[in-house]
Amino acid sequence: MTLVPMRFKTYEWKYNPEEISFECEKNIRELESPNSTAYVQNLGRKNRLIKGKGQLCGEDCHEQFARLWQIFEEGGVGVLALPFVKPVYAVFERLAVIGEPVPDMLTYSFVFREVMEREKEATVGTYIANVGECLWDISYVSRVEIEKLLELNPWIKQADEPIIKGRVIKIC
């Protein structure tokens, strides 16, 4: 299996972060009845927190961070693609530099918060691309694996390649 690079919106990490963690919680409420019996009500799960830290390396590490900071400042919801995990819609909640930056390496930490949006309905067998979308976005919406989308659409060479608005993508 090929390890995919971490990606958010138009930013793709040159090197995946060394640490990534997921925090998941459920909304649970305990209700007491008059006869002293407690009932537990599961109200569903909360949005996940995706946290991590890593290093940006190379002569251009500060430029890499500047591009990442630009995506952070842009705000809004985007598709977060991670190694070994199905892509999710998320907002970039926190970005920090850790320690003293050195010429060829910058250590950083990040926090993303999942946004549980209703998934768009796709037409049976096809999907019409929207502005700024790539196969990662379409994979998330259609629940079709990236490898399958690449196989069905051989004209697309890479999953992060921007697709022209209105282009028909085969999803099955």
Protein backbone atom coordinates (compact mmCIF):
# COMPACT_ATOMS: atom_id res chain seq x y z
CA MET A 1 0.00 0.00 0.00
CA THR A 2 1.28 3.44 -0.93
CA LEU A 3 1.34 5.95 1.90
CA VAL A 4 -0.47 9.05 0.65
CA PRO A 5 0.72 12.49 1.72
CA MET A 6 -1.40 14.49 4.14
CA ARG A 7 -3.41 17.15 2.32
CA PHE A 8 -5.78 19.98 3.25
CA LYS A 9 -7.45 22.07 0.57
CA THR A 10 -4.61 22.97 -1.84
CA TYR A 11 -1.72 22.32 0.58
CA GLU A 12 0.07 18.98 0.43
CA TRP A 13 2.67 18.13 3.04
CA LYS A 14 6.09 17.27 1.59
CA TYR A 15 6.63 14.90 4.55
CA ASN A 16 3.80 13.48 6.64
CA PRO A 17 3.76 14.64 10.27
CA GLU A 18 5.57 12.36 12.71
CA GLU A 19 2.58 12.34 15.10
CA ILE A 20 -1.13 12.29 14.31
CA SER A 21 -3.83 11.60 16.89
CA PHE A 22 -7.62 11.44 16.78
CA GLU A 23 -9.88 12.36 19.67
CA CYS A 24 -13.44 11.07 19.49
CA GLU A 25 -16.20 11.54 22.06
CA LYS A 26 -19.90 10.83 22.23
CA ASN A 27 -22.62 13.08 23.58
CA ILE A 28 -23.98 11.02 26.46
CA ARG A 29 -26.66 12.22 28.87
CA GLU A 30 -27.72 10.41 31.99
CA LEU A 31 -31.37 10.80 32.97
CA GLU A 32 -32.76 9.82 36.35
CA SER A 33 -36.27 8.54 36.79
CA PRO A 34 -38.47 8.95 39.89
CA ASN A 35 -37.73 5.37 41.03
CA SER A 36 -33.95 6.14 41.15
CA THR A 37 -33.15 4.21 37.98
CA ALA A 38 -30.71 5.96 35.68
CA TYR A 39 -31.07 5.87 31.91
CA VAL A 40 -28.30 6.67 29.49
CA GLN A 41 -29.13 8.53 26.30
CA ASN A 42 -26.66 8.45 23.41
CA LEU A 43 -27.00 11.68 21.43
CA GLY A 44 -24.40 10.72 18.82
CA ARG A 45 -20.75 11.48 18.45
CA LYS A 46 -19.04 14.84 18.61
CA ASN A 47 -16.79 16.15 15.86
CA ARG A 48 -13.35 14.53 15.94
CA LEU A 49 -10.20 16.47 16.74
CA ILE A 50 -7.21 15.59 14.57
CA LYS A 51 -3.96 16.73 16.18
CA GLY A 52 -0.34 16.29 15.31
CA LYS A 53 3.15 17.62 15.00
CA GLY A 54 5.99 17.33 12.55
CA GLN A 55 8.86 19.04 10.83
CA LEU A 56 9.07 20.99 7.62
CA CYS A 57 12.54 20.28 6.22
CA GLY A 58 14.76 21.65 3.51
CA GLU A 59 16.03 25.01 2.34
CA ASP A 60 12.41 26.04 1.64
CA CYS A 61 10.99 25.03 5.06
CA HIS A 62 10.05 28.60 5.94
CA GLU A 63 8.29 29.04 2.58
CA GLN A 64 6.45 25.74 3.20
CA PHE A 65 5.27 27.11 6.55
CA ALA A 66 4.23 30.42 4.94
CA ARG A 67 2.03 28.50 2.45
CA LEU A 68 0.58 26.41 5.30
CA TRP A 69 -0.09 29.58 7.30
CA GLN A 70 -1.86 31.08 4.28
CA ILE A 71 -4.21 28.05 4.16
CA PHE A 72 -4.77 28.39 7.93
CA GLU A 73 -5.64 32.09 7.62
CA GLU A 74 -7.93 31.44 4.66
CA GLY A 75 -10.32 29.64 7.02
CA GLY A 76 -13.38 27.71 5.96
CA VAL A 77 -14.09 24.04 5.50
CA GLY A 78 -11.97 21.78 3.32
CA VAL A 79 -11.21 18.12 2.75
CA LEU A 80 -8.50 16.76 5.05
CA ALA A 81 -6.83 13.67 3.61
CA LEU A 82 -4.61 11.63 5.93
CA PRO A 83 -2.57 8.46 5.52
CA PHE A 84 -4.63 5.30 6.26
CA VAL A 85 -7.80 7.29 7.08
CA LYS A 86 -10.83 8.14 4.97
CA PRO A 87 -10.82 11.88 4.09
CA VAL A 88 -13.04 14.15 6.22
CA TYR A 89 -14.38 17.68 5.98
CA ALA A 90 -12.54 19.79 8.55
CA VAL A 91 -11.58 23.29 9.65
CA PHE A 92 -8.00 24.24 10.45
CA GLU A 93 -8.33 25.19 14.11
CA ARG A 94 -4.76 25.75 15.31
CA LEU A 95 -1.23 26.03 13.89
CA ALA A 96 1.88 26.70 15.98
CA VAL A 97 5.64 26.78 15.62
CA ILE A 98 7.35 24.70 18.33
CA GLY A 99 10.80 25.73 19.54
CA GLU A 100 13.32 27.88 17.77
CA PRO A 101 13.25 27.71 13.95
CA VAL A 102 16.60 26.76 12.42
CA PRO A 103 17.71 27.36 8.81
CA ASP A 104 16.63 24.01 7.30
CA MET A 105 13.97 22.75 9.73
CA LEU A 106 10.86 24.10 11.40
CA THR A 107 8.88 22.09 13.98
CA TYR A 108 5.13 22.75 14.07
CA SER A 109 1.90 21.46 15.59
CA PHE A 110 -1.65 21.55 14.24
CA VAL A 111 -5.26 20.87 15.18
CA PHE A 112 -8.11 20.20 12.75
CA ARG A 113 -11.74 19.82 13.81
CA GLU A 114 -13.97 17.57 11.75
CA VAL A 115 -17.12 19.13 10.34
CA MET A 116 -19.92 16.60 9.99
CA GLU A 117 -21.77 17.99 6.99
CA ARG A 118 -24.47 16.21 5.09
CA GLU A 119 -22.91 14.47 2.16
CA LYS A 120 -23.99 15.60 -1.28
CA GLU A 121 -26.08 13.24 -3.32
CA ALA A 122 -24.30 12.06 -6.44
CA THR A 123 -26.06 11.05 -9.62
CA VAL A 124 -25.90 7.28 -10.08
CA GLY A 125 -22.61 6.42 -11.74
CA THR A 126 -21.31 9.98 -12.20
CA TYR A 127 -20.40 13.11 -10.28
CA ILE A 128 -20.21 16.69 -11.61
CA ALA A 129 -17.07 18.47 -10.33
CA ASN A 130 -17.41 21.79 -8.52
CA VAL A 131 -14.88 24.66 -8.39
CA GLY A 132 -11.62 23.68 -6.67
CA GLU A 133 -12.45 19.99 -6.28
CA CYS A 134 -10.08 17.10 -6.83
CA LEU A 135 -10.49 13.33 -6.47
CA TRP A 136 -9.98 13.52 -2.70
CA ASP A 137 -13.09 15.71 -2.41
CA ILE A 138 -15.09 13.46 -4.73
CA SER A 139 -13.91 10.33 -2.86
CA TYR A 140 -15.20 11.80 0.39
CA VAL A 141 -18.57 12.82 -1.04
CA SER A 142 -19.20 9.67 -3.07
CA ARG A 143 -17.61 7.18 -0.64
CA VAL A 144 -15.61 5.66 -3.49
CA GLU A 145 -11.94 4.73 -2.89
CA ILE A 146 -9.31 6.94 -4.55
CA GLU A 147 -7.78 3.96 -6.37
CA LYS A 148 -11.18 3.13 -7.92
CA LEU A 149 -11.74 6.73 -9.04
CA LEU A 150 -8.29 6.83 -10.66
CA GLU A 151 -9.04 3.54 -12.41
CA LEU A 152 -12.42 4.79 -13.71
CA ASN A 153 -11.02 8.16 -14.82
CA PRO A 154 -7.64 7.40 -16.44
CA TRP A 155 -7.32 10.95 -17.76
CA ILE A 156 -6.71 12.05 -14.14
CA LYS A 157 -3.09 11.30 -13.26
CA GLN A 158 -3.02 12.27 -9.55
CA ALA A 159 -5.70 12.36 -6.86
CA ASP A 160 -4.86 15.96 -5.89
CA GLU A 161 -5.03 17.28 -9.47
CA PRO A 162 -7.63 20.10 -9.70
CA ILE A 163 -10.62 19.18 -11.88
CA ILE A 164 -12.39 21.69 -14.11
CA LYS A 165 -15.82 22.75 -12.84
CA GLY A 166 -18.59 20.85 -14.62
CA ARG A 167 -16.39 17.90 -15.64
CA VAL A 168 -18.20 14.56 -15.35
CA ILE A 169 -16.38 12.05 -13.14
CA LYS A 170 -17.23 8.35 -13.24
CA ILE A 171 -17.78 6.93 -9.75
CA CYS A 172 -18.86 3.37 -10.60
